[in-house]
Amino acid sequence: MMSDDPKSGSVWKHHSGRLYTVLFMTNIDEDDPTYPRTVVYVGANGKLWSGPLNDWYRRMELVTGRSFGL
């Protein structure tokens, strides 16, 4: 994991205003563009999501390093 990757348990706000907690990163040891580094996260409603790390910082803003009750 790289130092600037979103950390497990950190809370982020999507540009829509919804909050999400990062669960973990995938493909962290993969250099193949077929398998991009991916953030897996959960919303306050319990729905799971994942998205490529290269889009993460365009859509999300760090709120806190602590989760909201997971």
PDB file of N, CA and C in Angstrom:
ATOM      1  N   MET A   1       0.854  -1.181   0.000  1.00  0.00           N
ATOM      2  CA  MET A   1       0.000   0.000   0.000  1.00  0.00           C
ATOM      3  C   MET A   1       0.893   1.235   0.000  1.00  0.00           C
ATOM      4  N   MET A   2       0.522   2.198  -0.786  1.00  0.00           N
ATOM      5  CA  MET A   2       1.307   3.429  -0.847  1.00  0.00           C
ATOM      6  C   MET A   2       0.827   4.386   0.240  1.00  0.00           C
ATOM      7  N   SER A   3       1.695   5.311   0.633  1.00  0.00           N
ATOM      8  CA  SER A   3       1.383   6.205   1.747  1.00  0.00           C
ATOM      9  C   SER A   3       0.208   7.138   1.467  1.00  0.00           C
ATOM     10  N   ASP A   4      -0.073   7.436   0.198  1.00  0.00           N
ATOM     11  CA  ASP A   4      -1.179   8.343  -0.109  1.00  0.00           C
ATOM     12  C   ASP A   4      -2.490   7.618  -0.410  1.00  0.00           C
ATOM     13  N   ASP A   5      -2.504   6.276  -0.269  1.00  0.00           N
ATOM     14  CA  ASP A   5      -3.742   5.528  -0.470  1.00  0.00           C
ATOM     15  C   ASP A   5      -4.734   5.831   0.653  1.00  0.00           C
ATOM     16  N   PRO A   6      -6.037   5.812   0.362  1.00  0.00           N
ATOM     17  CA  PRO A   6      -7.023   5.961   1.427  1.00  0.00           C
ATOM     18  C   PRO A   6      -6.843   4.840   2.462  1.00  0.00           C
ATOM     19  N   LYS A   7      -6.877   5.172   3.720  1.00  0.00           N
ATOM     20  CA  LYS A   7      -6.651   4.209   4.791  1.00  0.00           C
ATOM     21  C   LYS A   7      -7.949   3.516   5.207  1.00  0.00           C
ATOM     22  N   SER A   8      -7.844   2.237   5.555  1.00  0.00           N
ATOM     23  CA  SER A   8      -8.994   1.491   6.067  1.00  0.00           C
ATOM     24  C   SER A   8      -9.558   2.218   7.278  1.00  0.00           C
ATOM     25  N   GLY A   9     -10.870   2.378   7.315  1.00  0.00           N
ATOM     26  CA  GLY A   9     -11.535   3.049   8.427  1.00  0.00           C
ATOM     27  C   GLY A   9     -11.699   4.544   8.255  1.00  0.00           C
ATOM     28  N   SER A  10     -11.030   5.126   7.265  1.00  0.00           N
ATOM     29  CA  SER A  10     -11.169   6.574   7.069  1.00  0.00           C
ATOM     30  C   SER A  10     -12.517   6.889   6.411  1.00  0.00           C
ATOM     31  N   VAL A  11     -13.067   8.046   6.748  1.00  0.00           N
ATOM     32  CA  VAL A  11     -14.373   8.469   6.247  1.00  0.00           C
ATOM     33  C   VAL A  11     -14.168   9.560   5.200  1.00  0.00           C
ATOM     34  N   TRP A  12     -14.883   9.413   4.095  1.00  0.00           N
ATOM     35  CA  TRP A  12     -14.771  10.331   2.965  1.00  0.00           C
ATOM     36  C   TRP A  12     -16.146  10.816   2.552  1.00  0.00           C
ATOM     37  N   LYS A  13     -16.186  12.050   2.048  1.00  0.00           N
ATOM     38  CA  LYS A  13     -17.443  12.608   1.551  1.00  0.00           C
ATOM     39  C   LYS A  13     -17.379  12.664   0.037  1.00  0.00           C
ATOM     40  N   HIS A  14     -18.373  12.052  -0.594  1.00  0.00           N
ATOM     41  CA  HIS A  14     -18.518  12.079  -2.046  1.00  0.00           C
ATOM     42  C   HIS A  14     -18.994  13.469  -2.442  1.00  0.00           C
ATOM     43  N   HIS A  15     -18.760  13.875  -3.681  1.00  0.00           N
ATOM     44  CA  HIS A  15     -19.200  15.212  -4.116  1.00  0.00           C
ATOM     45  C   HIS A  15     -20.713  15.375  -4.009  1.00  0.00           C
ATOM     46  N   SER A  16     -21.463  14.268  -3.890  1.00  0.00           N
ATOM     47  CA  SER A  16     -22.920  14.329  -3.698  1.00  0.00           C
ATOM     48  C   SER A  16     -23.295  14.672  -2.258  1.00  0.00           C
ATOM     49  N   GLY A  17     -22.301  14.592  -1.341  1.00  0.00           N
ATOM     50  CA  GLY A  17     -22.551  14.876   0.072  1.00  0.00           C
ATOM     51  C   GLY A  17     -22.671  13.631   0.929  1.00  0.00           C
ATOM     52  N   ARG A  18     -22.760  12.450   0.322  1.00  0.00           N
ATOM     53  CA  ARG A  18     -22.872  11.201   1.086  1.00  0.00           C
ATOM     54  C   ARG A  18     -21.523  10.811   1.672  1.00  0.00           C
ATOM     55  N   LEU A  19     -21.580  10.160   2.856  1.00  0.00           N
ATOM     56  CA  LEU A  19     -20.370   9.718   3.541  1.00  0.00           C
ATOM     57  C   LEU A  19     -20.116   8.232   3.307  1.00  0.00           C
ATOM     58  N   TYR A  20     -18.831   7.881   3.201  1.00  0.00           N
ATOM     59  CA  TYR A  20     -18.417   6.504   2.971  1.00  0.00           C
ATOM     60  C   TYR A  20     -17.189   6.197   3.813  1.00  0.00           C
ATOM     61  N   THR A  21     -17.102   4.943   4.280  1.00  0.00           N
ATOM     62  CA  THR A  21     -15.942   4.472   5.020  1.00  0.00           C
ATOM     63  C   THR A  21     -15.156   3.507   4.149  1.00  0.00           C
ATOM     64  N   VAL A  22     -13.858   3.745   4.043  1.00  0.00           N
ATOM     65  CA  VAL A  22     -12.980   2.858   3.276  1.00  0.00           C
ATOM     66  C   VAL A  22     -12.807   1.552   4.043  1.00  0.00           C
ATOM     67  N   LEU A  23     -12.993   0.439   3.348  1.00  0.00           N
ATOM     68  CA  LEU A  23     -12.779  -0.873   3.953  1.00  0.00           C
ATOM     69  C   LEU A  23     -11.368  -1.372   3.679  1.00  0.00           C
ATOM     70  N   PHE A  24     -10.972  -1.378   2.406  1.00  0.00           N
ATOM     71  CA  PHE A  24      -9.637  -1.840   2.045  1.00  0.00           C
ATOM     72  C   PHE A  24      -9.344  -1.506   0.593  1.00  0.00           C
ATOM     73  N   MET A  25      -8.083  -1.718   0.221  1.00  0.00           N
ATOM     74  CA  MET A  25      -7.622  -1.534  -1.150  1.00  0.00           C
ATOM     75  C   MET A  25      -7.435  -2.905  -1.789  1.00  0.00           C
ATOM     76  N   THR A  26      -7.642  -3.002  -3.108  1.00  0.00           N
ATOM     77  CA  THR A  26      -7.375  -4.245  -3.828  1.00  0.00           C
ATOM     78  C   THR A  26      -6.337  -3.985  -4.914  1.00  0.00           C
ATOM     79  N   ASN A  27      -5.769  -5.076  -5.397  1.00  0.00           N
ATOM     80  CA  ASN A  27      -4.766  -5.032  -6.468  1.00  0.00           C
ATOM     81  C   ASN A  27      -3.579  -4.146  -6.088  1.00  0.00           C
ATOM     82  N   ILE A  28      -3.205  -4.159  -4.825  1.00  0.00           N
ATOM     83  CA  ILE A  28      -2.146  -3.260  -4.356  1.00  0.00           C
ATOM     84  C   ILE A  28      -0.756  -3.673  -4.825  1.00  0.00           C
ATOM     85  N   ASP A  29      -0.578  -4.925  -5.201  1.00  0.00           N
ATOM     86  CA  ASP A  29       0.724  -5.391  -5.666  1.00  0.00           C
ATOM     87  C   ASP A  29       0.754  -5.604  -7.163  1.00  0.00           C
ATOM     88  N   GLU A  30      -0.262  -5.164  -7.852  1.00  0.00           N
ATOM     89  CA  GLU A  30      -0.400  -5.420  -9.286  1.00  0.00           C
ATOM     90  C   GLU A  30       0.004  -4.196 -10.098  1.00  0.00           C
ATOM     91  N   ASP A  31       0.865  -4.401 -11.072  1.00  0.00           N
ATOM     92  CA  ASP A  31       1.262  -3.310 -11.954  1.00  0.00           C
ATOM     93  C   ASP A  31       0.556  -3.382 -13.299  1.00  0.00           C
ATOM     94  N   ASP A  32      -0.246  -4.407 -13.517  1.00  0.00           N
ATOM     95  CA  ASP A  32      -0.945  -4.617 -14.777  1.00  0.00           C
ATOM     96  C   ASP A  32      -2.139  -3.673 -14.857  1.00  0.00           C
ATOM     97  N   PRO A  33      -2.233  -2.805 -15.866  1.00  0.00           N
ATOM     98  CA  PRO A  33      -3.364  -1.876 -15.978  1.00  0.00           C
ATOM     99  C   PRO A  33      -4.710  -2.578 -16.140  1.00  0.00           C
ATOM    100  N   THR A  34      -4.682  -3.859 -16.449  1.00  0.00           N
ATOM    101  CA  THR A  34      -5.928  -4.634 -16.520  1.00  0.00           C
ATOM    102  C   THR A  34      -6.573  -4.738 -15.140  1.00  0.00           C
ATOM    103  N   TYR A  35      -5.743  -4.662 -14.091  1.00  0.00           N
ATOM    104  CA  TYR A  35      -6.216  -4.781 -12.709  1.00  0.00           C
ATOM    105  C   TYR A  35      -5.812  -3.538 -11.930  1.00  0.00           C
ATOM    106  N   PRO A  36      -6.538  -2.443 -12.100  1.00  0.00           N
ATOM    107  CA  PRO A  36      -6.138  -1.184 -11.438  1.00  0.00           C
ATOM    108  C   PRO A  36      -6.311  -1.259  -9.921  1.00  0.00           C
ATOM    109  N   ARG A  37      -5.519  -0.460  -9.227  1.00  0.00           N
ATOM    110  CA  ARG A  37      -5.681  -0.342  -7.768  1.00  0.00           C
ATOM    111  C   ARG A  37      -7.095   0.169  -7.520  1.00  0.00           C
ATOM    112  N   THR A  38      -7.788  -0.472  -6.594  1.00  0.00           N
ATOM    113  CA  THR A  38      -9.207  -0.203  -6.375  1.00  0.00           C
ATOM    114  C   THR A  38      -9.488   0.018  -4.896  1.00  0.00           C
ATOM    115  N   VAL A  39     -10.368   0.973  -4.604  1.00  0.00           N
ATOM    116  CA  VAL A  39     -10.809   1.254  -3.233  1.00  0.00           C
ATOM    117  C   VAL A  39     -12.161   0.571  -3.035  1.00  0.00           C
ATOM    118  N   VAL A  40     -12.283  -0.199  -1.951  1.00  0.00           N
ATOM    119  CA  VAL A  40     -13.562  -0.816  -1.586  1.00  0.00           C
ATOM    120  C   VAL A  40     -14.073  -0.060  -0.367  1.00  0.00           C
ATOM    121  N   TYR A  41     -15.321   0.403  -0.449  1.00  0.00           N
ATOM    122  CA  TYR A  41     -15.856   1.252   0.611  1.00  0.00           C
ATOM    123  C   TYR A  41     -17.338   0.959   0.829  1.00  0.00           C
ATOM    124  N   VAL A  42     -17.857   1.430   1.964  1.00  0.00           N
ATOM    125  CA  VAL A  42     -19.245   1.170   2.347  1.00  0.00           C
ATOM    126  C   VAL A  42     -19.919   2.486   2.724  1.00  0.00           C
ATOM    127  N   GLY A  43     -21.190   2.597   2.325  1.00  0.00           N
ATOM    128  CA  GLY A  43     -21.977   3.774   2.674  1.00  0.00           C
ATOM    129  C   GLY A  43     -22.644   3.616   4.024  1.00  0.00           C
ATOM    130  N   ALA A  44     -23.194   4.698   4.538  1.00  0.00           N
ATOM    131  CA  ALA A  44     -23.891   4.683   5.826  1.00  0.00           C
ATOM    132  C   ALA A  44     -25.091   3.736   5.791  1.00  0.00           C
ATOM    133  N   ASN A  45     -25.606   3.448   4.582  1.00  0.00           N
ATOM    134  CA  ASN A  45     -26.740   2.555   4.430  1.00  0.00           C
ATOM    135  C   ASN A  45     -26.320   1.086   4.323  1.00  0.00           C
ATOM    136  N   GLY A  46     -25.007   0.808   4.390  1.00  0.00           N
ATOM    137  CA  GLY A  46     -24.502  -0.556   4.348  1.00  0.00           C
ATOM    138  C   GLY A  46     -24.183  -1.083   2.954  1.00  0.00           C
ATOM    139  N   LYS A  47     -24.480  -0.306   1.923  1.00  0.00           N
ATOM    140  CA  LYS A  47     -24.174  -0.756   0.564  1.00  0.00           C
ATOM    141  C   LYS A  47     -22.673  -0.671   0.312  1.00  0.00           C
ATOM    142  N   LEU A  48     -22.157  -1.725  -0.342  1.00  0.00           N
ATOM    143  CA  LEU A  48     -20.739  -1.786  -0.681  1.00  0.00           C
ATOM    144  C   LEU A  48     -20.498  -1.237  -2.071  1.00  0.00           C
ATOM    145  N   TRP A  49     -19.356  -0.572  -2.221  1.00  0.00           N
ATOM    146  CA  TRP A  49     -18.973   0.018  -3.495  1.00  0.00           C
ATOM    147  C   TRP A  49     -17.495  -0.226  -3.715  1.00  0.00           C
ATOM    148  N   SER A  50     -17.070  -0.095  -4.961  1.00  0.00           N
ATOM    149  CA  SER A  50     -15.644  -0.104  -5.263  1.00  0.00           C
ATOM    150  C   SER A  50     -15.408   0.811  -6.455  1.00  0.00           C
ATOM    151  N   GLY A  51     -14.221   1.375  -6.501  1.00  0.00           N
ATOM    152  CA  GLY A  51     -13.882   2.260  -7.606  1.00  0.00           C
ATOM    153  C   GLY A  51     -12.383   2.357  -7.762  1.00  0.00           C
ATOM    154  N   PRO A  52     -11.926   2.681  -8.954  1.00  0.00           N
ATOM    155  CA  PRO A  52     -10.485   2.782  -9.186  1.00  0.00           C
ATOM    156  C   PRO A  52      -9.856   3.928  -8.398  1.00  0.00           C
ATOM    157  N   LEU A  53      -8.691   3.664  -7.869  1.00  0.00           N
ATOM    158  CA  LEU A  53      -7.976   4.670  -7.086  1.00  0.00           C
ATOM    159  C   LEU A  53      -7.697   5.917  -7.915  1.00  0.00           C
ATOM    160  N   ASN A  54      -7.436   5.761  -9.203  1.00  0.00           N
ATOM    161  CA  ASN A  54      -7.100   6.934 -10.012  1.00  0.00           C
ATOM    162  C   ASN A  54      -8.258   7.916 -10.147  1.00  0.00           C
ATOM    163  N   ASP A  55      -9.484   7.536  -9.797  1.00  0.00           N
ATOM    164  CA  ASP A  55     -10.630   8.453  -9.796  1.00  0.00           C
ATOM    165  C   ASP A  55     -11.002   8.930  -8.392  1.00  0.00           C
ATOM    166  N   TRP A  56     -10.456   8.289  -7.377  1.00  0.00           N
ATOM    167  CA  TRP A  56     -10.881   8.500  -5.989  1.00  0.00           C
ATOM    168  C   TRP A  56     -10.819   9.963  -5.563  1.00  0.00           C
ATOM    169  N   TYR A  57      -9.689  10.603  -5.758  1.00  0.00           N
ATOM    170  CA  TYR A  57      -9.492  11.964  -5.243  1.00  0.00           C
ATOM    171  C   TYR A  57     -10.245  13.025  -6.040  1.00  0.00           C
ATOM    172  N   ARG A  58     -10.747  12.675  -7.197  1.00  0.00           N
ATOM    173  CA  ARG A  58     -11.588  13.611  -7.960  1.00  0.00           C
ATOM    174  C   ARG A  58     -13.019  13.615  -7.422  1.00  0.00           C
ATOM    175  N   ARG A  59     -13.429  12.504  -6.793  1.00  0.00           N
ATOM    176  CA  ARG A  59     -14.807  12.367  -6.333  1.00  0.00           C
ATOM    177  C   ARG A  59     -14.963  12.512  -4.833  1.00  0.00           C
ATOM    178  N   MET A  60     -13.897  12.281  -4.079  1.00  0.00           N
ATOM    179  CA  MET A  60     -13.992  12.176  -2.627  1.00  0.00           C
ATOM    180  C   MET A  60     -13.107  13.189  -1.913  1.00  0.00           C
ATOM    181  N   GLU A  61     -13.558  13.564  -0.718  1.00  0.00           N
ATOM    182  CA  GLU A  61     -12.803  14.465   0.149  1.00  0.00           C
ATOM    183  C   GLU A  61     -12.722  13.829   1.526  1.00  0.00           C
ATOM    184  N   LEU A  62     -11.536  13.784   2.106  1.00  0.00           N
ATOM    185  CA  LEU A  62     -11.355  13.176   3.419  1.00  0.00           C
ATOM    186  C   LEU A  62     -12.104  13.973   4.483  1.00  0.00           C
ATOM    187  N   VAL A  63     -12.877  13.247   5.304  1.00  0.00           N
ATOM    188  CA  VAL A  63     -13.605  13.871   6.407  1.00  0.00           C
ATOM    189  C   VAL A  63     -12.859  13.602   7.704  1.00  0.00           C
ATOM    190  N   THR A  64     -12.548  12.333   7.963  1.00  0.00           N
ATOM    191  CA  THR A  64     -11.853  11.945   9.187  1.00  0.00           C
ATOM    192  C   THR A  64     -11.181  10.597   8.993  1.00  0.00           C
ATOM    193  N   GLY A  65     -10.211  10.317   9.812  1.00  0.00           N
ATOM    194  CA  GLY A  65      -9.536   9.034   9.775  1.00  0.00           C
ATOM    195  C   GLY A  65     -10.280   7.940  10.514  1.00  0.00           C
ATOM    196  N   ARG A  66     -11.465   8.252  11.058  1.00  0.00           N
ATOM    197  CA  ARG A  66     -12.218   7.265  11.848  1.00  0.00           C
ATOM    198  C   ARG A  66     -13.553   6.961  11.169  1.00  0.00           C
ATOM    199  N   SER A  67     -14.004   5.727  11.328  1.00  0.00           N
ATOM    200  CA  SER A  67     -15.263   5.313  10.706  1.00  0.00           C
ATOM    201  C   SER A  67     -16.464   5.827  11.492  1.00  0.00           C
ATOM    202  N   PHE A  68     -17.647   5.755  10.872  1.00  0.00           N
ATOM    203  CA  PHE A  68     -18.869   6.205  11.512  1.00  0.00           C
ATOM    204  C   PHE A  68     -19.696   5.027  12.025  1.00  0.00           C
ATOM    205  N   GLY A  69     -19.046   4.106  12.744  1.00  0.00           N
ATOM    206  CA  GLY A  69     -19.769   3.037  13.415  1.00  0.00           C
ATOM    207  C   GLY A  69     -19.736   1.696  12.745  1.00  0.00           C
ATOM    208  N   LEU A  70     -18.733   1.402  11.963  1.00  0.00           N
ATOM    209  CA  LEU A  70     -18.622   0.083  11.335  1.00  0.00           C
ATOM    210  C   LEU A  70     -17.773  -0.817  12.179  1.00  0.00           C
TER     211      LEU A  70
END
